[in-house]
């Protein structure tokens, strides 16, 4: 009895010593991902039995397929992988139409002689986000008041996409006063893909009248950012300065026609002006 127990212990220790470290495979959403069974250290003709399996969060082991030296691969009825699994000649597991739910560690177990080898493979599925969509874009903003400029939105990504706001190509850093950025992430319960939105609140000055605002989407699957079309905003502020300019050539003689121009700095521009000589109203000019 002691000999049997000791032999079992030796077998377990042998198995533990021959479990390879995790290999990470990154697959693309909706495409076929291939999981290698080993790193090339075994000869396929020596393999007696090969199996693919994974372990659930509760510890339950789920067998996916088994192949023996004398028989073709047989697949177990696992609903989530139904019709999506295949085994290559080198014992690699192929999963077609990759889903976010496929993100887990799957293990290839091979029996060679009296030895058992295990090769765990961690599967990660990537999905590039959609180009940015701009919504709730303000038409005019008030000077010195924290105002929502726009909301940037991207969808169907894995992992979660990041959104950055820029003003004149310089990233904006939220401080709660001049810049406030409100991010939000939602995950589709059916696909597992995420949608990210980001609302930009900004306190404008007169210098921001011609500024170009953009939002950029960053994601590890992208070689470069996805950038929105630039946005400009009209800033509403009252007239602070009024000046009267003489456009006619000087010196001015009696009987000459004189052109006067009233200049203001408000936005939007004024639509009516009153011209006075002394205390008397000279003319009311309305600009359509």
C-alpha atoms as a PDB file:
ATOM      1  CA  UNK A   1       0.000   0.000   0.000  1.00  0.00           C
ATOM      2  CA  UNK A   2       2.811   2.341   0.924  1.00  0.00           C
ATOM      3  CA  UNK A   3       4.602   1.484  -2.333  1.00  0.00           C
ATOM      4  CA  UNK A   4       1.476   2.340  -4.380  1.00  0.00           C
ATOM      5  CA  UNK A   5       1.034   5.639  -2.560  1.00  0.00           C
ATOM      6  CA  UNK A   6       4.705   6.468  -3.026  1.00  0.00           C
ATOM      7  CA  UNK A   7       4.501   5.641  -6.749  1.00  0.00           C
ATOM      8  CA  UNK A   8       1.433   7.883  -7.134  1.00  0.00           C
ATOM      9  CA  UNK A   9       3.289  10.666  -5.347  1.00  0.00           C
ATOM     10  CA  UNK A  10       6.269  10.281  -7.675  1.00  0.00           C
ATOM     11  CA  UNK A  11       3.939  10.376 -10.704  1.00  0.00           C
ATOM     12  CA  UNK A  12       2.285  13.579  -9.471  1.00  0.00           C
ATOM     13  CA  UNK A  13       5.658  15.190  -8.803  1.00  0.00           C
ATOM     14  CA  UNK A  14       6.802  14.148 -12.278  1.00  0.00           C
ATOM     15  CA  UNK A  15       3.700  15.745 -13.789  1.00  0.00           C
ATOM     16  CA  UNK A  16       4.173  18.965 -11.843  1.00  0.00           C
ATOM     17  CA  UNK A  17       7.790  19.167 -12.931  1.00  0.00           C
ATOM     18  CA  UNK A  18       6.749  18.918 -16.581  1.00  0.00           C
ATOM     19  CA  UNK A  19       4.043  21.589 -16.691  1.00  0.00           C
ATOM     20  CA  UNK A  20       5.252  24.279 -19.072  1.00  0.00           C
ATOM     21  CA  UNK A  21       4.889  27.959 -18.232  1.00  0.00           C
ATOM     22  CA  UNK A  22       1.919  29.871 -19.642  1.00  0.00           C
ATOM     23  CA  UNK A  23       2.160  30.900 -23.259  1.00  0.00           C
ATOM     24  CA  UNK A  24       0.069  33.901 -24.262  1.00  0.00           C
ATOM     25  CA  UNK A  25      -1.699  33.885 -27.619  1.00  0.00           C
ATOM     26  CA  UNK A  26      -3.451  37.027 -28.877  1.00  0.00           C
ATOM     27  CA  UNK A  27      -6.282  36.368 -31.312  1.00  0.00           C
ATOM     28  CA  UNK A  28      -8.509  38.716 -33.268  1.00  0.00           C
ATOM     29  CA  UNK A  29     -12.223  38.901 -32.596  1.00  0.00           C
ATOM     30  CA  UNK A  30     -14.268  36.996 -35.175  1.00  0.00           C
ATOM     31  CA  UNK A  31     -11.235  35.287 -36.708  1.00  0.00           C
ATOM     32  CA  UNK A  32      -9.531  31.932 -36.117  1.00  0.00           C
ATOM     33  CA  UNK A  33      -7.030  31.692 -33.284  1.00  0.00           C
ATOM     34  CA  UNK A  34      -4.518  28.841 -33.120  1.00  0.00           C
ATOM     35  CA  UNK A  35      -3.148  27.481 -29.837  1.00  0.00           C
ATOM     36  CA  UNK A  36       0.089  25.471 -30.068  1.00  0.00           C
ATOM     37  CA  UNK A  37       0.284  22.279 -28.021  1.00  0.00           C
ATOM     38  CA  UNK A  38       4.003  22.554 -27.335  1.00  0.00           C
ATOM     39  CA  UNK A  39       7.101  24.575 -28.094  1.00  0.00           C
ATOM     40  CA  UNK A  40       8.551  21.960 -30.415  1.00  0.00           C
ATOM     41  CA  UNK A  41      10.277  19.930 -27.733  1.00  0.00           C
ATOM     42  CA  UNK A  42       8.387  16.679 -28.374  1.00  0.00           C
ATOM     43  CA  UNK A  43       8.115  14.336 -31.324  1.00  0.00           C
ATOM     44  CA  UNK A  44       4.553  13.870 -32.533  1.00  0.00           C
ATOM     45  CA  UNK A  45       5.138  10.211 -33.377  1.00  0.00           C
ATOM     46  CA  UNK A  46       5.905   9.568 -29.706  1.00  0.00           C
ATOM     47  CA  UNK A  47       2.584  10.984 -28.461  1.00  0.00           C
ATOM     48  CA  UNK A  48       0.232   8.255 -27.264  1.00  0.00           C
ATOM     49  CA  UNK A  49      -2.676  10.455 -26.168  1.00  0.00           C
ATOM     50  CA  UNK A  50      -3.325  14.194 -26.529  1.00  0.00           C
ATOM     51  CA  UNK A  51      -6.128  16.151 -24.881  1.00  0.00           C
ATOM     52  CA  UNK A  52      -7.268  19.777 -24.742  1.00  0.00           C
ATOM     53  CA  UNK A  53      -9.157  21.061 -21.705  1.00  0.00           C
ATOM     54  CA  UNK A  54      -9.779  24.117 -19.542  1.00  0.00           C
ATOM     55  CA  UNK A  55     -10.723  24.738 -15.929  1.00  0.00           C
ATOM     56  CA  UNK A  56     -13.757  26.786 -14.901  1.00  0.00           C
ATOM     57  CA  UNK A  57     -13.625  29.384 -12.137  1.00  0.00           C
ATOM     58  CA  UNK A  58     -15.228  26.892  -9.751  1.00  0.00           C
ATOM     59  CA  UNK A  59     -12.469  24.349 -10.432  1.00  0.00           C
ATOM     60  CA  UNK A  60     -14.477  22.134 -12.773  1.00  0.00           C
ATOM     61  CA  UNK A  61     -12.384  20.645 -15.582  1.00  0.00           C
ATOM     62  CA  UNK A  62     -13.990  20.765 -19.035  1.00  0.00           C
ATOM     63  CA  UNK A  63     -12.577  18.379 -21.655  1.00  0.00           C
ATOM     64  CA  UNK A  64     -12.728  19.681 -25.222  1.00  0.00           C
ATOM     65  CA  UNK A  65     -11.202  16.893 -27.287  1.00  0.00           C
ATOM     66  CA  UNK A  66      -9.079  13.763 -27.159  1.00  0.00           C
ATOM     67  CA  UNK A  67      -6.860  12.135 -29.742  1.00  0.00           C
ATOM     68  CA  UNK A  68      -5.049   8.837 -29.470  1.00  0.00           C
ATOM     69  CA  UNK A  69      -2.259   7.500 -31.631  1.00  0.00           C
ATOM     70  CA  UNK A  70      -4.572   5.104 -33.434  1.00  0.00           C
ATOM     71  CA  UNK A  71      -7.717   7.261 -33.638  1.00  0.00           C
ATOM     72  CA  UNK A  72      -8.707  10.652 -34.971  1.00  0.00           C
ATOM     73  CA  UNK A  73      -9.649  13.457 -32.633  1.00  0.00           C
ATOM     74  CA  UNK A  74     -13.012  13.146 -30.893  1.00  0.00           C
ATOM     75  CA  UNK A  75     -14.706  16.302 -29.645  1.00  0.00           C
ATOM     76  CA  UNK A  76     -16.722  16.531 -26.452  1.00  0.00           C
ATOM     77  CA  UNK A  77     -20.155  18.257 -26.604  1.00  0.00           C
ATOM     78  CA  UNK A  78     -19.240  21.644 -25.151  1.00  0.00           C
ATOM     79  CA  UNK A  79     -21.972  24.132 -26.103  1.00  0.00           C
ATOM     80  CA  UNK A  80     -19.833  27.280 -26.148  1.00  0.00           C
ATOM     81  CA  UNK A  81     -17.400  25.723 -28.639  1.00  0.00           C
ATOM     82  CA  UNK A  82     -19.864  23.760 -30.745  1.00  0.00           C
ATOM     83  CA  UNK A  83     -18.749  23.688 -34.375  1.00  0.00           C
ATOM     84  CA  UNK A  84     -15.795  25.995 -33.731  1.00  0.00           C
ATOM     85  CA  UNK A  85     -12.969  23.602 -32.829  1.00  0.00           C
ATOM     86  CA  UNK A  86     -10.484  21.751 -34.990  1.00  0.00           C
ATOM     87  CA  UNK A  87      -7.175  20.004 -34.374  1.00  0.00           C
ATOM     88  CA  UNK A  88      -4.151  20.377 -36.646  1.00  0.00           C
ATOM     89  CA  UNK A  89      -1.606  17.662 -37.443  1.00  0.00           C
ATOM     90  CA  UNK A  90       0.809  19.121 -34.894  1.00  0.00           C
ATOM     91  CA  UNK A  91      -1.934  18.968 -32.190  1.00  0.00           C
ATOM     92  CA  UNK A  92      -2.561  22.723 -32.215  1.00  0.00           C
ATOM     93  CA  UNK A  93      -6.119  23.700 -31.299  1.00  0.00           C
ATOM     94  CA  UNK A  94      -7.929  26.050 -33.678  1.00  0.00           C
ATOM     95  CA  UNK A  95     -10.894  28.092 -32.467  1.00  0.00           C
ATOM     96  CA  UNK A  96     -12.881  29.764 -35.244  1.00  0.00           C
ATOM     97  CA  UNK A  97     -15.067  32.874 -34.900  1.00  0.00           C
ATOM     98  CA  UNK A  98     -13.190  33.904 -31.756  1.00  0.00           C
ATOM     99  CA  UNK A  99     -15.303  35.492 -29.023  1.00  0.00           C
ATOM    100  CA  UNK A 100     -14.505  37.445 -25.876  1.00  0.00           C
ATOM    101  CA  UNK A 101     -15.763  34.436 -23.901  1.00  0.00           C
ATOM    102  CA  UNK A 102     -12.830  32.468 -25.358  1.00  0.00           C
ATOM    103  CA  UNK A 103     -10.449  34.447 -23.163  1.00  0.00           C
ATOM    104  CA  UNK A 104      -9.209  31.808 -20.756  1.00  0.00           C
ATOM    105  CA  UNK A 105      -6.337  29.411 -20.184  1.00  0.00           C
ATOM    106  CA  UNK A 106      -6.618  26.163 -22.138  1.00  0.00           C
ATOM    107  CA  UNK A 107      -4.251  23.269 -21.533  1.00  0.00           C
ATOM    108  CA  UNK A 108      -2.891  20.653 -23.895  1.00  0.00           C
ATOM    109  CA  UNK A 109      -2.012  17.391 -22.142  1.00  0.00           C
ATOM    110  CA  UNK A 110       0.119  14.798 -23.912  1.00  0.00           C
ATOM    111  CA  UNK A 111       1.135  11.312 -22.801  1.00  0.00           C
ATOM    112  CA  UNK A 112       4.511  10.051 -24.010  1.00  0.00           C
ATOM    113  CA  UNK A 113       5.453   6.652 -22.676  1.00  0.00           C
ATOM    114  CA  UNK A 114       5.018   6.853 -18.909  1.00  0.00           C
ATOM    115  CA  UNK A 115       5.328  10.630 -18.800  1.00  0.00           C
ATOM    116  CA  UNK A 116       2.619  13.281 -18.901  1.00  0.00           C
ATOM    117  CA  UNK A 117       3.285  16.792 -20.177  1.00  0.00           C
ATOM    118  CA  UNK A 118       1.000  19.822 -19.906  1.00  0.00           C
ATOM    119  CA  UNK A 119       1.186  22.990 -21.981  1.00  0.00           C
ATOM    120  CA  UNK A 120      -1.140  25.779 -20.751  1.00  0.00           C
ATOM    121  CA  UNK A 121      -1.980  28.524 -23.245  1.00  0.00           C
ATOM    122  CA  UNK A 122      -3.569  31.793 -22.166  1.00  0.00           C
ATOM    123  CA  UNK A 123      -5.903  33.179 -24.832  1.00  0.00           C
ATOM    124  CA  UNK A 124      -6.510  36.909 -25.211  1.00  0.00           C
ATOM    125  CA  UNK A 125      -8.932  38.245 -27.827  1.00  0.00           C
ATOM    126  CA  UNK A 126      -8.496  41.731 -29.269  1.00  0.00           C
ATOM    127  CA  UNK A 127     -11.031  43.852 -31.117  1.00  0.00           C
ATOM    128  CA  UNK A 128     -10.116  47.264 -32.511  1.00  0.00           C
ATOM    129  CA  UNK A 129     -12.522  50.087 -31.582  1.00  0.00           C
ATOM    130  CA  UNK A 130     -14.686  51.958 -34.060  1.00  0.00           C
ATOM    131  CA  UNK A 131     -13.644  55.430 -35.296  1.00  0.00           C
ATOM    132  CA  UNK A 132     -14.664  58.257 -32.933  1.00  0.00           C
ATOM    133  CA  UNK A 133     -18.168  59.672 -33.143  1.00  0.00           C
ATOM    134  CA  UNK A 134     -18.862  63.194 -31.857  1.00  0.00           C
ATOM    135  CA  UNK A 135     -22.227  63.943 -30.236  1.00  0.00           C
ATOM    136  CA  UNK A 136     -23.754  66.772 -28.188  1.00  0.00           C
ATOM    137  CA  UNK A 137     -21.447  69.327 -29.801  1.00  0.00           C
ATOM    138  CA  UNK A 138     -22.051  72.838 -28.477  1.00  0.00           C
ATOM    139  CA  UNK A 139     -22.876  75.574 -30.988  1.00  0.00           C
ATOM    140  CA  UNK A 140     -21.779  78.471 -28.790  1.00  0.00           C
ATOM    141  CA  UNK A 141     -20.127  78.593 -25.373  1.00  0.00           C
ATOM    142  CA  UNK A 142     -20.126  81.320 -22.757  1.00  0.00           C
ATOM    143  CA  UNK A 143     -16.899  83.049 -21.808  1.00  0.00           C
ATOM    144  CA  UNK A 144     -15.460  81.958 -18.456  1.00  0.00           C
ATOM    145  CA  UNK A 145     -18.153  79.345 -17.782  1.00  0.00           C
ATOM    146  CA  UNK A 146     -17.479  75.593 -17.548  1.00  0.00           C
ATOM    147  CA  UNK A 147     -19.469  74.272 -20.507  1.00  0.00           C
ATOM    148  CA  UNK A 148     -19.925  70.888 -22.168  1.00  0.00           C
ATOM    149  CA  UNK A 149     -18.195  71.160 -25.545  1.00  0.00           C
ATOM    150  CA  UNK A 150     -18.884  67.674 -26.902  1.00  0.00           C
ATOM    151  CA  UNK A 151     -18.952  63.965 -26.206  1.00  0.00           C
ATOM    152  CA  UNK A 152     -16.652  61.486 -27.954  1.00  0.00           C
ATOM    153  CA  UNK A 153     -17.793  57.890 -28.418  1.00  0.00           C
ATOM    154  CA  UNK A 154     -16.239  54.642 -29.661  1.00  0.00           C
ATOM    155  CA  UNK A 155     -17.675  51.132 -29.563  1.00  0.00           C
ATOM    156  CA  UNK A 156     -17.002  47.396 -29.963  1.00  0.00           C
ATOM    157  CA  UNK A 157     -13.515  47.193 -28.458  1.00  0.00           C
ATOM    158  CA  UNK A 158     -11.564  44.699 -26.393  1.00  0.00           C
ATOM    159  CA  UNK A 159      -9.836  45.478 -24.171  1.00  0.00           C
ATOM    160  CA  UNK A 160     -11.369  48.842 -23.242  1.00  0.00           C
ATOM    161  CA  UNK A 161     -10.347  51.738 -25.508  1.00  0.00           C
ATOM    162  CA  UNK A 162      -8.975  54.982 -24.081  1.00  0.00           C
ATOM    163  CA  UNK A 163     -10.098  58.466 -25.162  1.00  0.00           C
ATOM    164  CA  UNK A 164      -7.927  61.583 -24.984  1.00  0.00           C
ATOM    165  CA  UNK A 165      -9.064  65.153 -25.655  1.00  0.00           C
ATOM    166  CA  UNK A 166      -6.713  67.603 -27.351  1.00  0.00           C
ATOM    167  CA  UNK A 167      -6.697  71.351 -27.958  1.00  0.00           C
ATOM    168  CA  UNK A 168      -4.518  72.401 -30.882  1.00  0.00           C
ATOM    169  CA  UNK A 169      -2.919  68.912 -30.792  1.00  0.00           C
ATOM    170  CA  UNK A 170      -1.959  69.251 -27.103  1.00  0.00           C
ATOM    171  CA  UNK A 171      -3.596  66.748 -24.686  1.00  0.00           C
ATOM    172  CA  UNK A 172      -5.960  68.319 -22.168  1.00  0.00           C
ATOM    173  CA  UNK A 173      -5.409  67.431 -18.515  1.00  0.00           C
ATOM    174  CA  UNK A 174      -8.498  67.650 -16.276  1.00  0.00           C
ATOM    175  CA  UNK A 175      -8.253  69.992 -13.291  1.00  0.00           C
ATOM    176  CA  UNK A 176     -11.958  70.371 -12.472  1.00  0.00           C
ATOM    177  CA  UNK A 177     -11.902  74.110 -13.205  1.00  0.00           C
ATOM    178  CA  UNK A 178     -10.733  74.835 -16.733  1.00  0.00           C
ATOM    179  CA  UNK A 179     -10.896  71.242 -17.977  1.00  0.00           C
ATOM    180  CA  UNK A 180     -13.210  68.492 -16.781  1.00  0.00           C
ATOM    181  CA  UNK A 181     -13.375  65.110 -18.522  1.00  0.00           C
ATOM    182  CA  UNK A 182     -16.080  62.577 -17.664  1.00  0.00           C
ATOM    183  CA  UNK A 183     -15.370  59.048 -18.990  1.00  0.00           C
ATOM    184  CA  UNK A 184     -17.842  56.180 -19.160  1.00  0.00           C
ATOM    185  CA  UNK A 185     -17.483  52.505 -20.134  1.00  0.00           C
ATOM    186  CA  UNK A 186     -20.266  50.059 -20.922  1.00  0.00           C
ATOM    187  CA  UNK A 187     -19.944  46.358 -21.763  1.00  0.00           C
ATOM    188  CA  UNK A 188     -22.332  44.514 -24.053  1.00  0.00           C
ATOM    189  CA  UNK A 189     -23.652  41.539 -22.088  1.00  0.00           C
ATOM    190  CA  UNK A 190     -23.997  39.420 -25.243  1.00  0.00           C
ATOM    191  CA  UNK A 191     -20.688  40.067 -27.020  1.00  0.00           C
ATOM    192  CA  UNK A 192     -18.496  41.162 -24.115  1.00  0.00           C
ATOM    193  CA  UNK A 193     -17.264  44.102 -26.213  1.00  0.00           C
ATOM    194  CA  UNK A 194     -16.963  47.507 -24.581  1.00  0.00           C
ATOM    195  CA  UNK A 195     -18.058  50.992 -25.594  1.00  0.00           C
ATOM    196  CA  UNK A 196     -16.271  54.048 -24.236  1.00  0.00           C
ATOM    197  CA  UNK A 197     -17.507  57.638 -24.123  1.00  0.00           C
ATOM    198  CA  UNK A 198     -15.860  60.793 -22.845  1.00  0.00           C
ATOM    199  CA  UNK A 199     -17.542  64.127 -22.170  1.00  0.00           C
ATOM    200  CA  UNK A 200     -15.404  67.280 -22.328  1.00  0.00           C
ATOM    201  CA  UNK A 201     -16.271  70.287 -20.184  1.00  0.00           C
ATOM    202  CA  UNK A 202     -14.168  73.377 -20.817  1.00  0.00           C
ATOM    203  CA  UNK A 203     -13.881  76.941 -19.532  1.00  0.00           C
ATOM    204  CA  UNK A 204     -13.084  79.135 -22.531  1.00  0.00           C
ATOM    205  CA  UNK A 205     -11.208  82.409 -22.805  1.00  0.00           C
ATOM    206  CA  UNK A 206     -11.205  84.817 -25.756  1.00  0.00           C
ATOM    207  CA  UNK A 207      -7.961  83.208 -26.914  1.00  0.00           C
ATOM    208  CA  UNK A 208      -9.841  79.948 -27.518  1.00  0.00           C
ATOM    209  CA  UNK A 209     -11.997  81.450 -30.267  1.00  0.00           C
ATOM    210  CA  UNK A 210     -10.034  79.750 -33.068  1.00  0.00           C
ATOM    211  CA  UNK A 211      -8.781  76.732 -31.107  1.00  0.00           C
ATOM    212  CA  UNK A 212      -9.179  73.290 -32.685  1.00  0.00           C
ATOM    213  CA  UNK A 213     -10.471  70.538 -30.399  1.00  0.00           C
ATOM    214  CA  UNK A 214     -10.185  66.837 -31.249  1.00  0.00           C
ATOM    215  CA  UNK A 215     -10.622  63.516 -29.501  1.00  0.00           C
ATOM    216  CA  UNK A 216      -8.259  60.596 -30.060  1.00  0.00           C
ATOM    217  CA  UNK A 217      -8.907  56.886 -29.530  1.00  0.00           C
ATOM    218  CA  UNK A 218      -6.009  54.794 -28.206  1.00  0.00           C
ATOM    219  CA  UNK A 219      -6.006  51.000 -28.238  1.00  0.00           C
ATOM    220  CA  UNK A 220      -3.306  48.351 -28.064  1.00  0.00           C
ATOM    221  CA  UNK A 221      -4.477  46.853 -31.364  1.00  0.00           C
ATOM    222  CA  UNK A 222      -3.947  50.146 -33.234  1.00  0.00           C
ATOM    223  CA  UNK A 223      -0.683  51.253 -34.827  1.00  0.00           C
ATOM    224  CA  UNK A 224      -1.785  54.887 -34.455  1.00  0.00           C
ATOM    225  CA  UNK A 225      -4.605  56.813 -32.795  1.00  0.00           C
ATOM    226  CA  UNK A 226      -8.029  57.258 -34.371  1.00  0.00           C
ATOM    227  CA  UNK A 227      -8.598  61.022 -34.371  1.00  0.00           C
ATOM    228  CA  UNK A 228     -11.866  62.899 -34.856  1.00  0.00           C
ATOM    229  CA  UNK A 229     -12.341  65.826 -37.209  1.00  0.00           C
ATOM    230  CA  UNK A 230     -11.311  69.115 -35.538  1.00  0.00           C
ATOM    231  CA  UNK A 231     -14.004  71.181 -33.846  1.00  0.00           C
ATOM    232  CA  UNK A 232     -14.114  74.949 -33.295  1.00  0.00           C
ATOM    233  CA  UNK A 233     -16.545  76.798 -31.068  1.00  0.00           C
ATOM    234  CA  UNK A 234     -17.984  80.288 -31.109  1.00  0.00           C
ATOM    235  CA  UNK A 235     -17.485  81.975 -27.744  1.00  0.00           C
ATOM    236  CA  UNK A 236     -20.192  84.310 -26.459  1.00  0.00           C
ATOM    237  CA  UNK A 237     -18.922  87.354 -24.571  1.00  0.00           C
ATOM    238  CA  UNK A 238     -20.220  90.930 -24.179  1.00  0.00           C
ATOM    239  CA  UNK A 239     -18.665  94.036 -25.669  1.00  0.00           C
ATOM    240  CA  UNK A 240     -15.971  95.431 -23.420  1.00  0.00           C
ATOM    241  CA  UNK A 241     -14.387  98.032 -25.678  1.00  0.00           C
ATOM    242  CA  UNK A 242     -15.905 100.505 -28.159  1.00  0.00           C
ATOM    243  CA  UNK A 243     -13.850 102.733 -30.444  1.00  0.00           C
ATOM    244  CA  UNK A 244     -14.700 105.168 -33.248  1.00  0.00           C
ATOM    245  CA  UNK A 245     -12.402 105.167 -36.255  1.00  0.00           C
ATOM    246  CA  UNK A 246     -12.212 107.860 -38.959  1.00  0.00           C
ATOM    247  CA  UNK A 247     -11.728 106.151 -42.310  1.00  0.00           C
ATOM    248  CA  UNK A 248     -11.682 109.328 -44.463  1.00  0.00           C
ATOM    249  CA  UNK A 249      -8.396 110.876 -45.523  1.00  0.00           C
ATOM    250  CA  UNK A 250      -7.117 113.736 -43.410  1.00  0.00           C
ATOM    251  CA  UNK A 251      -7.063 116.682 -43.255  1.00  0.00           C
ATOM    252  CA  UNK A 252     -10.844 116.974 -43.503  1.00  0.00           C
ATOM    253  CA  UNK A 253     -12.254 120.169 -44.950  1.00  0.00           C
ATOM    254  CA  UNK A 254     -15.694 121.666 -44.595  1.00  0.00           C
ATOM    255  CA  UNK A 255     -18.084 119.983 -47.014  1.00  0.00           C
ATOM    256  CA  UNK A 256     -16.100 116.743 -47.236  1.00  0.00           C
ATOM    257  CA  UNK A 257     -17.808 113.401 -46.769  1.00  0.00           C
ATOM    258  CA  UNK A 258     -16.577 111.651 -43.646  1.00  0.00           C
ATOM    259  CA  UNK A 259     -16.727 107.901 -43.021  1.00  0.00           C
ATOM    260  CA  UNK A 260     -16.808 106.771 -39.408  1.00  0.00           C
ATOM    261  CA  UNK A 261     -16.494 103.179 -38.211  1.00  0.00           C
ATOM    262  CA  UNK A 262     -17.674 101.918 -34.837  1.00  0.00           C
ATOM    263  CA  UNK A 263     -15.496  99.029 -33.637  1.00  0.00           C
ATOM    264  CA  UNK A 264     -16.496  96.678 -30.812  1.00  0.00           C
ATOM    265  CA  UNK A 265     -14.921  93.513 -29.407  1.00  0.00           C
ATOM    266  CA  UNK A 266     -17.993  91.468 -28.426  1.00  0.00           C
ATOM    267  CA  UNK A 267     -19.133  88.153 -29.868  1.00  0.00           C
ATOM    268  CA  UNK A 268     -21.452  87.670 -31.594  1.00  0.00           C
ATOM    269  CA  UNK A 269     -20.956  91.078 -33.305  1.00  0.00           C
ATOM    270  CA  UNK A 270     -23.512  93.776 -32.536  1.00  0.00           C
ATOM    271  CA  UNK A 271     -26.342  94.198 -35.020  1.00  0.00           C
ATOM    272  CA  UNK A 272     -27.213  97.875 -34.325  1.00  0.00           C
ATOM    273  CA  UNK A 273     -25.248 101.040 -33.582  1.00  0.00           C
ATOM    274  CA  UNK A 274     -26.259 104.549 -32.448  1.00  0.00           C
ATOM    275  CA  UNK A 275     -24.154 107.474 -33.680  1.00  0.00           C
ATOM    276  CA  UNK A 276     -24.330 110.761 -31.721  1.00  0.00           C
ATOM    277  CA  UNK A 277     -23.061 114.289 -32.230  1.00  0.00           C
ATOM    278  CA  UNK A 278     -22.727 115.681 -28.759  1.00  0.00           C
ATOM    279  CA  UNK A 279     -25.917 114.748 -26.972  1.00  0.00           C
ATOM    280  CA  UNK A 280     -27.979 114.548 -30.145  1.00  0.00           C
ATOM    281  CA  UNK A 281     -28.738 111.238 -31.832  1.00  0.00           C
ATOM    282  CA  UNK A 282     -27.403 111.366 -35.345  1.00  0.00           C
ATOM    283  CA  UNK A 283     -28.408 107.982 -36.782  1.00  0.00           C
ATOM    284  CA  UNK A 284     -29.411 104.469 -35.831  1.00  0.00           C
ATOM    285  CA  UNK A 285     -27.646 101.901 -37.991  1.00  0.00           C
ATOM    286  CA  UNK A 286     -29.054  98.363 -38.114  1.00  0.00           C
ATOM    287  CA  UNK A 287     -26.965  95.575 -39.647  1.00  0.00           C
ATOM    288  CA  UNK A 288     -28.878  92.557 -40.936  1.00  0.00           C
END
